[in-house]
Amino acid sequence: MAERAPYSRVYWGIVDDPKFSTIYDDDHHLAAWLRMLVVADQSYPTSAQVPANIRRASVKALVDAHLIVVTGRRFRIVGLDAERERRSESARNAAALRWQSERSASASDAHSDRNANGLLGRGRGLVREKKGEQGVSPLEGRPLRAVVDPT
């Protein structure tokens, strides 16, 4: 199975989001925000370093649009904490539901009628017989496969 690459999530809604009205149409500002989003995702949950190649005008535009908060040379993406926590909670709930489902399924399978004779089909519980003799399964009334006893 192919390993999933780490990613940062960008929603299509930024096109019409009023916060992005001065950012989306300016390639420098949008590229700065996207680069900073990737760096912030990598640094999460701590603050990230402002990349050296980001223009000061873009940082100012992002701060003015309330998309980032800058403290010295470190920054945080506004809303990233809530987004990451929402995704994390969703993943925790899905894992708990899956775990609960698997536990209840395995518990019911272990006690279901369908699997009551499962061990007989795997060769366990068979009566060893001498060569040429046939036995009858005590549970099903069907002939067992002959198992050769070397003695």
C-alpha atoms as a PDB file:
ATOM      1  CA  MET A   1       0.000   0.000   0.000  1.00  0.00           C
ATOM      2  CA  ALA A   2       1.352   3.407  -0.929  1.00  0.00           C
ATOM      3  CA  GLU A   3       2.268   5.681   1.947  1.00  0.00           C
ATOM      4  CA  ARG A   4       0.222   8.856   2.152  1.00  0.00           C
ATOM      5  CA  ALA A   5       2.132  12.085   1.799  1.00  0.00           C
ATOM      6  CA  PRO A   6       1.554  14.781   4.427  1.00  0.00           C
ATOM      7  CA  TYR A   7      -0.726  17.522   3.192  1.00  0.00           C
ATOM      8  CA  SER A   8      -2.209  20.921   3.974  1.00  0.00           C
ATOM      9  CA  ARG A   9      -5.894  21.523   3.352  1.00  0.00           C
ATOM     10  CA  VAL A  10      -7.065  24.497   1.281  1.00  0.00           C
ATOM     11  CA  TYR A  11     -10.811  24.905   0.845  1.00  0.00           C
ATOM     12  CA  TRP A  12     -12.247  26.182  -2.419  1.00  0.00           C
ATOM     13  CA  GLY A  13     -14.339  28.628  -0.418  1.00  0.00           C
ATOM     14  CA  ILE A  14     -11.385  31.028  -0.163  1.00  0.00           C
ATOM     15  CA  VAL A  15     -12.310  32.226  -3.668  1.00  0.00           C
ATOM     16  CA  ASP A  16     -15.407  34.008  -2.312  1.00  0.00           C
ATOM     17  CA  ASP A  17     -14.408  34.396   1.348  1.00  0.00           C
ATOM     18  CA  PRO A  18     -14.426  38.121   2.296  1.00  0.00           C
ATOM     19  CA  LYS A  19     -11.227  37.625   4.349  1.00  0.00           C
ATOM     20  CA  PHE A  20      -9.431  36.624   1.141  1.00  0.00           C
ATOM     21  CA  SER A  21     -10.804  39.507  -0.976  1.00  0.00           C
ATOM     22  CA  THR A  22      -7.427  41.306  -1.031  1.00  0.00           C
ATOM     23  CA  ILE A  23      -5.362  38.095  -0.974  1.00  0.00           C
ATOM     24  CA  TYR A  24      -6.814  35.710  -3.557  1.00  0.00           C
ATOM     25  CA  ASP A  25      -6.317  37.980  -6.590  1.00  0.00           C
ATOM     26  CA  ASP A  26      -2.740  38.904  -5.655  1.00  0.00           C
ATOM     27  CA  ASP A  27      -0.405  36.064  -6.605  1.00  0.00           C
ATOM     28  CA  HIS A  28       2.336  37.174  -4.183  1.00  0.00           C
ATOM     29  CA  HIS A  29      -0.058  37.362  -1.230  1.00  0.00           C
ATOM     30  CA  LEU A  30      -1.788  34.077  -2.073  1.00  0.00           C
ATOM     31  CA  ALA A  31       1.541  32.282  -2.568  1.00  0.00           C
ATOM     32  CA  ALA A  32       2.786  33.700   0.743  1.00  0.00           C
ATOM     33  CA  TRP A  33      -0.343  32.489   2.552  1.00  0.00           C
ATOM     34  CA  LEU A  34      -0.071  29.032   0.990  1.00  0.00           C
ATOM     35  CA  ARG A  35       3.629  28.705   1.846  1.00  0.00           C
ATOM     36  CA  MET A  36       2.936  29.875   5.369  1.00  0.00           C
ATOM     37  CA  LEU A  37       0.055  27.395   5.676  1.00  0.00           C
ATOM     38  CA  VAL A  38       2.373  24.522   4.739  1.00  0.00           C
ATOM     39  CA  VAL A  39       5.017  25.681   7.233  1.00  0.00           C
ATOM     40  CA  ALA A  40       2.390  26.171   9.959  1.00  0.00           C
ATOM     41  CA  ASP A  41       0.971  22.687   9.336  1.00  0.00           C
ATOM     42  CA  GLN A  42       4.466  21.229   9.630  1.00  0.00           C
ATOM     43  CA  SER A  43       5.097  23.129  12.874  1.00  0.00           C
ATOM     44  CA  TYR A  44       1.718  22.431  14.452  1.00  0.00           C
ATOM     45  CA  PRO A  45       0.978  22.699  17.362  1.00  0.00           C
ATOM     46  CA  THR A  46       3.765  25.240  17.910  1.00  0.00           C
ATOM     47  CA  SER A  47       4.126  28.589  16.164  1.00  0.00           C
ATOM     48  CA  ALA A  48       6.053  28.561  12.892  1.00  0.00           C
ATOM     49  CA  GLN A  49       8.948  30.652  11.648  1.00  0.00           C
ATOM     50  CA  VAL A  50       8.041  33.208   8.984  1.00  0.00           C
ATOM     51  CA  PRO A  51       9.832  31.932   5.850  1.00  0.00           C
ATOM     52  CA  ALA A  52      12.711  34.216   4.855  1.00  0.00           C
ATOM     53  CA  ASN A  53      11.559  34.489   1.228  1.00  0.00           C
ATOM     54  CA  ILE A  54       8.103  35.886   2.080  1.00  0.00           C
ATOM     55  CA  ARG A  55       7.714  39.550   1.135  1.00  0.00           C
ATOM     56  CA  ARG A  56       7.012  41.964   3.969  1.00  0.00           C
ATOM     57  CA  ALA A  57       4.128  43.472   1.986  1.00  0.00           C
ATOM     58  CA  SER A  58       2.482  40.045   1.800  1.00  0.00           C
ATOM     59  CA  VAL A  59       2.941  39.445   5.541  1.00  0.00           C
ATOM     60  CA  LYS A  60       1.367  42.855   6.234  1.00  0.00           C
ATOM     61  CA  ALA A  61      -1.545  42.091   3.875  1.00  0.00           C
ATOM     62  CA  LEU A  62      -2.131  38.720   5.576  1.00  0.00           C
ATOM     63  CA  VAL A  63      -2.053  40.328   9.042  1.00  0.00           C
ATOM     64  CA  ASP A  64      -4.416  43.109   7.890  1.00  0.00           C
ATOM     65  CA  ALA A  65      -6.815  40.469   6.482  1.00  0.00           C
ATOM     66  CA  HIS A  66      -6.734  38.672   9.871  1.00  0.00           C
ATOM     67  CA  LEU A  67      -5.434  35.478   8.243  1.00  0.00           C
ATOM     68  CA  ILE A  68      -2.235  35.265  10.299  1.00  0.00           C
ATOM     69  CA  VAL A  69      -0.995  36.514  13.653  1.00  0.00           C
ATOM     70  CA  VAL A  70       2.689  37.468  13.774  1.00  0.00           C
ATOM     71  CA  THR A  71       4.827  37.654  16.911  1.00  0.00           C
ATOM     72  CA  GLY A  72       8.393  38.647  16.067  1.00  0.00           C
ATOM     73  CA  ARG A  73       9.533  36.206  13.350  1.00  0.00           C
ATOM     74  CA  ARG A  74       6.966  33.575  14.350  1.00  0.00           C
ATOM     75  CA  PHE A  75       3.369  33.315  13.190  1.00  0.00           C
ATOM     76  CA  ARG A  76       0.176  31.339  13.508  1.00  0.00           C
ATOM     77  CA  ILE A  77      -2.510  30.795  10.877  1.00  0.00           C
ATOM     78  CA  VAL A  78      -5.870  32.035  12.164  1.00  0.00           C
ATOM     79  CA  GLY A  79      -8.263  29.080  12.477  1.00  0.00           C
ATOM     80  CA  LEU A  80      -5.634  26.361  12.030  1.00  0.00           C
ATOM     81  CA  ASP A  81      -5.918  25.197  15.648  1.00  0.00           C
ATOM     82  CA  ALA A  82      -9.696  24.799  15.315  1.00  0.00           C
ATOM     83  CA  GLU A  83      -9.358  23.029  11.939  1.00  0.00           C
ATOM     84  CA  ARG A  84      -6.745  20.588  13.206  1.00  0.00           C
ATOM     85  CA  GLU A  85      -8.732  19.882  16.379  1.00  0.00           C
ATOM     86  CA  ARG A  86     -11.906  19.282  14.332  1.00  0.00           C
ATOM     87  CA  ARG A  87     -10.102  16.820  12.043  1.00  0.00           C
ATOM     88  CA  SER A  88      -8.434  15.132  15.007  1.00  0.00           C
ATOM     89  CA  GLU A  89     -11.765  14.745  16.842  1.00  0.00           C
ATOM     90  CA  SER A  90     -13.361  13.328  13.699  1.00  0.00           C
ATOM     91  CA  ALA A  91     -10.531  10.802  13.343  1.00  0.00           C
ATOM     92  CA  ARG A  92     -10.763   9.826  17.035  1.00  0.00           C
ATOM     93  CA  ASN A  93     -14.509   9.258  16.701  1.00  0.00           C
ATOM     94  CA  ALA A  94     -14.066   7.177  13.545  1.00  0.00           C
ATOM     95  CA  ALA A  95     -11.370   5.055  15.183  1.00  0.00           C
ATOM     96  CA  ALA A  96     -13.490   4.503  18.298  1.00  0.00           C
ATOM     97  CA  LEU A  97     -16.482   3.529  16.184  1.00  0.00           C
ATOM     98  CA  ARG A  98     -14.378   1.143  14.103  1.00  0.00           C
ATOM     99  CA  TRP A  99     -12.784  -0.380  17.192  1.00  0.00           C
ATOM    100  CA  GLN A 100     -16.179  -0.828  18.850  1.00  0.00           C
ATOM    101  CA  SER A 101     -17.606  -2.323  15.654  1.00  0.00           C
ATOM    102  CA  GLU A 102     -14.692  -4.760  15.238  1.00  0.00           C
ATOM    103  CA  ARG A 103     -14.857  -5.812  18.882  1.00  0.00           C
ATOM    104  CA  SER A 104     -18.579  -6.480  18.778  1.00  0.00           C
ATOM    105  CA  ALA A 105     -18.295  -8.269  15.413  1.00  0.00           C
ATOM    106  CA  SER A 106     -15.487 -10.544  16.615  1.00  0.00           C
ATOM    107  CA  ALA A 107     -17.348 -11.264  19.850  1.00  0.00           C
ATOM    108  CA  SER A 108     -20.552 -12.175  18.026  1.00  0.00           C
ATOM    109  CA  ASP A 109     -18.653 -14.277  15.454  1.00  0.00           C
ATOM    110  CA  ALA A 110     -17.001 -16.260  18.230  1.00  0.00           C
ATOM    111  CA  HIS A 111     -20.397 -17.241  19.612  1.00  0.00           C
ATOM    112  CA  SER A 112     -22.492 -17.505  16.464  1.00  0.00           C
ATOM    113  CA  ASP A 113     -24.022 -20.775  15.276  1.00  0.00           C
ATOM    114  CA  ARG A 114     -22.271 -20.350  11.968  1.00  0.00           C
ATOM    115  CA  ASN A 115     -18.856 -20.740  13.576  1.00  0.00           C
ATOM    116  CA  ALA A 116     -19.732 -23.323  16.231  1.00  0.00           C
ATOM    117  CA  ASN A 117     -18.091 -26.103  14.193  1.00  0.00           C
ATOM    118  CA  GLY A 118     -15.386 -23.953  12.676  1.00  0.00           C
ATOM    119  CA  LEU A 119     -12.600 -25.846  14.392  1.00  0.00           C
ATOM    120  CA  LEU A 120     -13.715 -29.144  12.903  1.00  0.00           C
ATOM    121  CA  GLY A 121     -13.222 -27.816   9.393  1.00  0.00           C
ATOM    122  CA  ARG A 122      -9.612 -26.866  10.163  1.00  0.00           C
ATOM    123  CA  GLY A 123      -8.579 -30.348  11.235  1.00  0.00           C
ATOM    124  CA  ARG A 124      -8.886 -29.799  14.962  1.00  0.00           C
ATOM    125  CA  GLY A 125     -11.206 -32.004  16.952  1.00  0.00           C
ATOM    126  CA  LEU A 126     -11.125 -34.825  14.381  1.00  0.00           C
ATOM    127  CA  VAL A 127     -11.048 -38.343  15.680  1.00  0.00           C
ATOM    128  CA  ARG A 128      -7.970 -40.173  14.524  1.00  0.00           C
ATOM    129  CA  GLU A 129      -8.859 -43.384  12.822  1.00  0.00           C
ATOM    130  CA  LYS A 130      -6.949 -46.321  11.520  1.00  0.00           C
ATOM    131  CA  LYS A 131      -6.258 -46.521   7.820  1.00  0.00           C
ATOM    132  CA  GLY A 132      -9.354 -47.306   5.770  1.00  0.00           C
ATOM    133  CA  GLU A 133     -11.930 -46.537   8.471  1.00  0.00           C
ATOM    134  CA  GLN A 134     -14.452 -43.696   8.186  1.00  0.00           C
ATOM    135  CA  GLY A 135     -15.938 -41.833  11.114  1.00  0.00           C
ATOM    136  CA  VAL A 136     -19.038 -39.741  11.586  1.00  0.00           C
ATOM    137  CA  SER A 137     -18.954 -36.232  12.945  1.00  0.00           C
ATOM    138  CA  PRO A 138     -20.770 -36.308  16.270  1.00  0.00           C
ATOM    139  CA  LEU A 139     -22.024 -32.745  15.754  1.00  0.00           C
ATOM    140  CA  GLU A 140     -23.258 -32.881  12.184  1.00  0.00           C
ATOM    141  CA  GLY A 141     -23.871 -36.557  11.405  1.00  0.00           C
ATOM    142  CA  ARG A 142     -21.735 -36.262   8.259  1.00  0.00           C
ATOM    143  CA  PRO A 143     -18.764 -38.486   7.465  1.00  0.00           C
ATOM    144  CA  LEU A 144     -15.385 -37.149   8.525  1.00  0.00           C
ATOM    145  CA  ARG A 145     -12.434 -37.286   6.222  1.00  0.00           C
ATOM    146  CA  ALA A 146     -10.330 -40.273   7.022  1.00  0.00           C
ATOM    147  CA  VAL A 147      -7.235 -39.342   8.954  1.00  0.00           C
ATOM    148  CA  VAL A 148      -4.473 -41.890   8.672  1.00  0.00           C
ATOM    149  CA  ASP A 149      -3.033 -42.968  11.946  1.00  0.00           C
ATOM    150  CA  PRO A 150       0.500 -44.192  11.283  1.00  0.00           C
ATOM    151  CA  THR A 151       0.328 -46.684  14.201  1.00  0.00           C
END
